[in-house]
Amino acid sequence: MSKGATPETITSLWDRLGTGTGTVLLFVVLSLAAWSFLALNLHQTNFSGGAEGLGFLFDAAIPPDMSVLEVGLRGLVETLYIAYLGTLIGVTLSLPVSLLASRNLFPWYVNVPARWSLAGLRVLPSILWAIIFVILVGTGPPAGVLAISLYTIGFVGKLEYEAFEGLDNEPMEAVGSLGASRFQVLRFVVLPQAVNSVISQAVFMFEYNVRHAAAIGIVGAGGIGYYIIGYLDFFAYDRVIVLLGIVFVVVVVTDELSYRFRSFFTGNAGTSFGK
C-alpha cells in the first residue's frame, strides 16, 4: 500500500502541536516569519500611491477592447498546443528517469545520479528555461515546448519516483523470487500498480503547464503571453485585460476538468459541494 498521510497520522500530528514541542515549533515558525518580514523591510512599504495607480489602470483598461478577441483566441490555441506537447514529451521522458531514481528499484549508484538530474531540471523555473531556449533556438513555440518539456521532466519525475517508492514491495519480491528479470518486474508489477498515479500526475502537470505556457510567452516563447507583452509595450491595457480574461477562463475550466479527470483515476470522484 502507498505510504502517505493517513487520518491517524494527521490526528497524531495535530495532537503533538498541543504539546510543549508543538508550542516551541509554533514559536520558531512565527519568529522566522517576523524576522523575514523585517529583513525584507516590508514594514516600510508605501501604499500611498496605490489608489492613484489603481485608478489609472481602471481608466486605461475599461472598457475592454474586444477587437483583440480573435488574436487572443489564436494565441490561446498556440498556448494549449505548447502545454500539451511539452507535457506529453516531459512525462514520457520522466518515466524511465524516475524509475532509475527510485530507491526501492535500483541501487544507490543508479538512483543518486538520476535524482540529481531531476533536481537539476527543477532548479530553473520554466520561464528561465524559456529564456535560455529563446537564445538557443529563437523566439516562438519551439522554445516554449522545449522549456515546458524540461521542467516537466524534473517536476513530474520527482512525483513519479515518490509514487514508485510508496508501492507495496511484496508483489515485487514475489515476482522476483520466481526468476523474473528487473525489466519484467518493472513492466508487469511496478507500472500496473502505479499507472493511476502516473496518469493523475500527467493530467495535473498539463493543467500546471497551461498557466506556465501562457507566462513564458512573455519572454518570446510563443503563445498568448507573446501578445500580452506586445500590447503591454504599447500600454494598450484595454487589450491586455481581454487577453488576461481569456487566460483566467481557460485556467478555471482546465482546473475543473483536470480535477474531474484525475478523480476518475484516483477514485475521489465528486466534490464536497455535490454531496
Protein backbone atom coordinates (compact mmCIF):
# COMPACT_ATOMS: atom_id res chain seq x y z
CA MET A 1 0.00 0.00 0.00
CA SER A 2 1.16 3.52 -0.71
CA LYS A 3 2.74 5.47 2.05
CA GLY A 4 1.01 8.74 2.78
CA ALA A 5 -0.68 10.88 5.37
CA THR A 6 -3.46 8.79 6.90
CA PRO A 7 -6.17 10.24 9.19
CA GLU A 8 -4.37 8.63 12.14
CA THR A 9 -1.03 10.31 11.34
CA ILE A 10 -2.75 13.66 10.80
CA THR A 11 -4.55 13.35 14.15
CA SER A 12 -1.29 12.39 15.84
CA LEU A 13 0.44 15.42 14.35
CA TRP A 14 -2.39 17.68 15.44
CA ASP A 15 -2.21 16.31 18.98
CA ARG A 16 1.54 16.87 19.11
CA LEU A 17 1.06 20.52 18.18
CA GLY A 18 -0.71 20.95 21.52
CA THR A 19 2.30 19.73 23.48
CA GLY A 20 5.37 21.65 24.57
CA THR A 21 7.19 20.61 21.39
CA GLY A 22 4.35 21.98 19.30
CA THR A 23 4.48 25.27 21.19
CA VAL A 24 8.21 25.58 20.56
CA LEU A 25 7.71 24.76 16.88
CA LEU A 26 4.97 27.39 16.55
CA PHE A 27 7.22 29.95 18.25
CA VAL A 28 10.06 29.18 15.84
CA VAL A 29 7.77 29.47 12.80
CA LEU A 30 6.34 32.81 13.92
CA SER A 31 9.79 34.13 14.88
CA LEU A 32 11.17 33.28 11.44
CA ALA A 33 8.16 34.95 9.84
CA ALA A 34 8.74 38.14 11.86
CA TRP A 35 12.47 38.06 11.10
CA SER A 36 11.79 37.67 7.36
CA PHE A 37 9.23 40.49 7.44
CA LEU A 38 11.78 42.87 8.99
CA ALA A 39 14.71 41.66 6.86
CA LEU A 40 12.73 42.43 3.69
CA ASN A 41 11.75 45.88 5.05
CA LEU A 42 8.11 45.10 4.39
CA HIS A 43 7.15 47.34 7.28
CA GLN A 44 8.41 50.32 5.22
CA THR A 45 6.23 49.55 2.20
CA ASN A 46 4.45 52.67 0.97
CA PHE A 47 0.89 52.13 -0.25
CA SER A 48 0.06 55.83 -0.54
CA GLY A 49 0.15 55.74 -4.34
CA GLY A 50 -1.87 52.55 -4.63
CA ALA A 51 -5.27 54.16 -5.09
CA GLU A 52 -3.95 56.51 -7.78
CA GLY A 53 -2.29 53.62 -9.61
CA LEU A 54 -5.45 51.53 -9.49
CA GLY A 55 -7.42 54.46 -10.83
CA PHE A 56 -5.02 54.87 -13.74
CA LEU A 57 -5.20 51.16 -14.60
CA PHE A 58 -9.00 51.20 -14.38
CA ASP A 59 -9.28 54.19 -16.70
CA ALA A 60 -6.78 52.67 -19.16
CA ALA A 61 -8.31 49.17 -19.21
CA ILE A 62 -12.04 49.94 -19.07
CA PRO A 63 -13.89 49.49 -21.33
CA PRO A 64 -12.03 46.46 -22.73
CA ASP A 65 -11.16 46.45 -26.42
CA MET A 66 -12.93 43.33 -27.65
CA SER A 67 -11.43 43.69 -31.13
CA VAL A 68 -8.42 41.77 -29.81
CA LEU A 69 -10.52 38.70 -29.02
CA GLU A 70 -9.63 36.91 -32.27
CA VAL A 71 -5.91 37.47 -31.67
CA GLY A 72 -6.30 36.25 -28.10
CA LEU A 73 -8.05 33.04 -29.13
CA ARG A 74 -5.34 32.37 -31.70
CA GLY A 75 -2.69 32.85 -29.04
CA LEU A 76 -4.66 30.67 -26.65
CA VAL A 77 -4.74 27.77 -29.11
CA GLU A 78 -0.98 28.08 -29.52
CA THR A 79 -0.59 28.10 -25.74
CA LEU A 80 -2.61 24.89 -25.43
CA TYR A 81 -0.51 23.24 -28.15
CA ILE A 82 2.68 24.20 -26.33
CA ALA A 83 1.36 22.95 -22.98
CA TYR A 84 0.13 19.68 -24.47
CA LEU A 85 3.30 18.83 -26.38
CA GLY A 86 5.56 19.93 -23.55
CA THR A 87 3.60 17.85 -21.05
CA LEU A 88 3.48 14.77 -23.29
CA ILE A 89 7.21 14.88 -24.04
CA GLY A 90 8.16 15.67 -20.44
CA VAL A 91 6.00 12.97 -18.84
CA THR A 92 7.19 10.35 -21.35
CA LEU A 93 10.87 11.12 -20.76
CA SER A 94 10.45 11.46 -17.00
CA LEU A 95 9.15 7.90 -16.61
CA PRO A 96 12.42 5.98 -17.20
CA VAL A 97 14.43 8.52 -15.18
CA SER A 98 12.00 8.31 -12.24
CA LEU A 99 12.24 4.51 -12.27
CA LEU A 100 16.03 4.78 -12.06
CA ALA A 101 15.66 7.33 -9.24
CA SER A 102 13.54 5.02 -7.07
CA ARG A 103 15.50 3.66 -4.09
CA ASN A 104 13.40 0.51 -3.87
CA LEU A 105 14.01 -0.40 -7.52
CA PHE A 106 17.68 0.39 -8.18
CA PRO A 107 20.87 0.65 -6.10
CA TRP A 108 22.16 3.98 -4.82
CA TYR A 109 24.79 4.40 -7.52
CA VAL A 110 21.97 4.43 -10.07
CA ASN A 111 19.26 6.42 -8.28
CA VAL A 112 21.53 9.14 -6.87
CA PRO A 113 22.64 10.44 -10.32
CA ALA A 114 19.05 10.14 -11.56
CA ARG A 115 17.75 12.17 -8.60
CA TRP A 116 20.44 14.80 -9.13
CA SER A 117 19.48 15.05 -12.79
CA LEU A 118 15.81 15.61 -11.93
CA ALA A 119 16.76 18.14 -9.25
CA GLY A 120 18.93 19.98 -11.77
CA LEU A 121 15.99 20.33 -14.16
CA ARG A 122 13.87 21.74 -11.34
CA VAL A 123 16.44 24.36 -10.34
CA LEU A 124 15.24 26.74 -13.05
CA PRO A 125 11.55 27.60 -13.42
CA SER A 126 10.03 27.12 -16.84
CA ILE A 127 10.23 30.83 -17.66
CA LEU A 128 14.03 30.82 -17.23
CA TRP A 129 14.27 27.66 -19.36
CA ALA A 130 12.24 29.59 -21.93
CA ILE A 131 14.74 32.47 -21.90
CA ILE A 132 17.58 30.01 -22.46
CA PHE A 133 15.83 28.33 -25.38
CA VAL A 134 14.82 31.66 -26.91
CA ILE A 135 18.55 32.43 -27.01
CA LEU A 136 19.38 28.98 -28.43
CA VAL A 137 16.59 28.42 -30.99
CA GLY A 138 14.99 31.85 -31.33
CA THR A 139 11.56 33.17 -30.40
CA GLY A 140 8.41 31.17 -30.98
CA PRO A 141 6.68 27.95 -29.92
CA PRO A 142 9.77 25.64 -30.24
CA ALA A 143 11.41 27.45 -27.33
CA GLY A 144 8.20 27.14 -25.33
CA VAL A 145 7.81 23.41 -25.97
CA LEU A 146 11.43 22.71 -25.03
CA ALA A 147 11.18 24.80 -21.85
CA ILE A 148 7.94 23.14 -20.72
CA SER A 149 9.31 19.68 -21.55
CA LEU A 150 12.48 20.06 -19.47
CA TYR A 151 10.72 21.48 -16.44
CA THR A 152 8.05 18.79 -16.68
CA ILE A 153 10.71 16.06 -16.62
CA GLY A 154 12.15 17.42 -13.37
CA PHE A 155 8.81 18.15 -11.71
CA VAL A 156 6.87 15.02 -12.66
CA GLY A 157 9.96 12.82 -12.28
CA LYS A 158 10.08 13.64 -8.56
CA LEU A 159 6.36 12.89 -8.13
CA GLU A 160 6.73 9.62 -10.01
CA TYR A 161 9.70 8.23 -8.08
CA GLU A 162 7.96 9.10 -4.82
CA ALA A 163 4.92 7.17 -6.08
CA PHE A 164 7.12 4.18 -7.01
CA GLU A 165 8.81 4.22 -3.62
CA GLY A 166 5.40 4.15 -1.94
CA LEU A 167 4.37 0.90 -3.64
CA ASP A 168 4.00 -2.36 -1.74
CA ASN A 169 7.27 -4.29 -2.06
CA GLU A 170 5.75 -7.74 -1.51
CA PRO A 171 4.43 -8.25 -5.08
CA MET A 172 7.80 -7.16 -6.49
CA GLU A 173 9.70 -9.54 -4.22
CA ALA A 174 7.30 -12.40 -5.02
CA VAL A 175 7.67 -11.97 -8.79
CA GLY A 176 11.43 -11.52 -8.47
CA SER A 177 11.73 -14.75 -6.46
CA LEU A 178 10.14 -16.60 -9.40
CA GLY A 179 13.07 -15.64 -11.60
CA ALA A 180 11.63 -12.57 -13.32
CA SER A 181 14.15 -10.03 -14.61
CA ARG A 182 14.24 -6.47 -13.32
CA PHE A 183 12.61 -5.29 -16.55
CA GLN A 184 9.79 -7.80 -16.15
CA VAL A 185 9.20 -6.68 -12.56
CA LEU A 186 9.00 -3.06 -13.73
CA ARG A 187 6.77 -3.92 -16.67
CA PHE A 188 4.31 -6.30 -15.01
CA VAL A 189 4.32 -5.22 -11.34
CA VAL A 190 5.57 -1.67 -10.79
CA LEU A 191 3.92 0.15 -13.68
CA PRO A 192 0.48 -1.52 -13.33
CA GLN A 193 0.42 -0.59 -9.62
CA ALA A 194 1.42 3.00 -10.29
CA VAL A 195 -0.41 3.68 -13.57
CA ASN A 196 -3.33 5.57 -11.98
CA SER A 197 -0.96 7.79 -10.04
CA VAL A 198 1.19 8.47 -13.11
CA ILE A 199 -1.84 9.42 -15.23
CA SER A 200 -3.16 11.66 -12.46
CA GLN A 201 0.21 13.41 -12.24
CA ALA A 202 0.32 13.86 -16.02
CA VAL A 203 -3.12 15.49 -16.04
CA PHE A 204 -2.17 17.74 -13.13
CA MET A 205 1.01 18.74 -14.97
CA PHE A 206 -0.93 19.67 -18.09
CA GLU A 207 -3.13 21.97 -16.01
CA TYR A 208 0.02 23.45 -14.43
CA ASN A 209 1.70 23.89 -17.83
CA VAL A 210 -1.27 25.70 -19.35
CA ARG A 211 -0.66 28.52 -16.90
CA HIS A 212 3.09 28.47 -17.43
CA ALA A 213 2.80 28.26 -21.21
CA ALA A 214 0.82 31.50 -21.05
CA ALA A 215 3.54 33.08 -18.90
CA ILE A 216 6.60 32.01 -20.90
CA GLY A 217 5.21 33.73 -23.97
CA ILE A 218 6.14 36.98 -22.25
CA VAL A 219 9.82 36.22 -22.94
CA GLY A 220 9.15 35.32 -26.58
CA ALA A 221 8.38 31.60 -26.30
CA GLY A 222 5.08 31.79 -28.17
CA GLY A 223 1.50 31.54 -27.01
CA ILE A 224 -0.88 34.17 -25.70
CA GLY A 225 1.79 35.64 -23.43
CA TYR A 226 3.62 36.85 -26.55
CA TYR A 227 0.63 39.04 -27.43
CA ILE A 228 0.19 40.19 -23.83
CA ILE A 229 3.73 41.55 -23.61
CA GLY A 230 3.37 43.12 -27.05
CA TYR A 231 0.31 45.12 -26.01
CA LEU A 232 1.90 45.98 -22.67
CA ASP A 233 4.80 47.56 -24.52
CA PHE A 234 2.32 49.93 -26.17
CA PHE A 235 0.36 50.49 -22.92
CA ALA A 236 -2.75 49.00 -24.56
CA TYR A 237 -4.23 47.91 -21.23
CA ASP A 238 -7.75 47.75 -22.69
CA ARG A 239 -6.49 44.90 -24.89
CA VAL A 240 -4.32 43.31 -22.24
CA ILE A 241 -7.29 42.91 -19.90
CA VAL A 242 -9.16 40.94 -22.57
CA LEU A 243 -6.22 38.56 -23.03
CA LEU A 244 -5.88 38.13 -19.27
CA GLY A 245 -9.59 37.39 -19.07
CA ILE A 246 -9.17 34.65 -21.68
CA VAL A 247 -6.31 33.12 -19.68
CA PHE A 248 -8.36 33.29 -16.48
CA VAL A 249 -11.35 31.48 -18.04
CA VAL A 250 -9.13 28.79 -19.54
CA VAL A 251 -7.26 28.22 -16.26
CA VAL A 252 -10.55 27.85 -14.34
CA VAL A 253 -12.01 25.45 -16.92
CA THR A 254 -8.76 23.45 -17.15
CA ASP A 255 -8.56 23.23 -13.37
CA GLU A 256 -12.08 21.79 -13.12
CA LEU A 257 -11.62 19.34 -15.99
CA SER A 258 -8.26 18.29 -14.56
CA TYR A 259 -9.79 17.62 -11.15
CA ARG A 260 -12.58 15.50 -12.60
CA PHE A 261 -10.25 13.57 -14.87
CA ARG A 262 -7.77 12.90 -12.04
CA SER A 263 -10.60 11.86 -9.73
CA PHE A 264 -11.57 9.19 -12.24
CA PHE A 265 -8.17 7.53 -11.78
CA THR A 266 -7.67 8.19 -8.07
CA GLY A 267 -11.21 7.17 -7.07
CA ASN A 268 -12.01 10.53 -5.43
CA ALA A 269 -14.90 11.37 -7.71
CA GLY A 270 -17.28 14.09 -6.73
CA THR A 271 -16.84 17.30 -4.79
CA SER A 272 -17.87 18.39 -1.34
CA PHE A 273 -20.36 20.81 -2.91
CA GLY A 274 -22.07 17.97 -4.71
CA LYS A 275 -22.64 15.86 -1.62
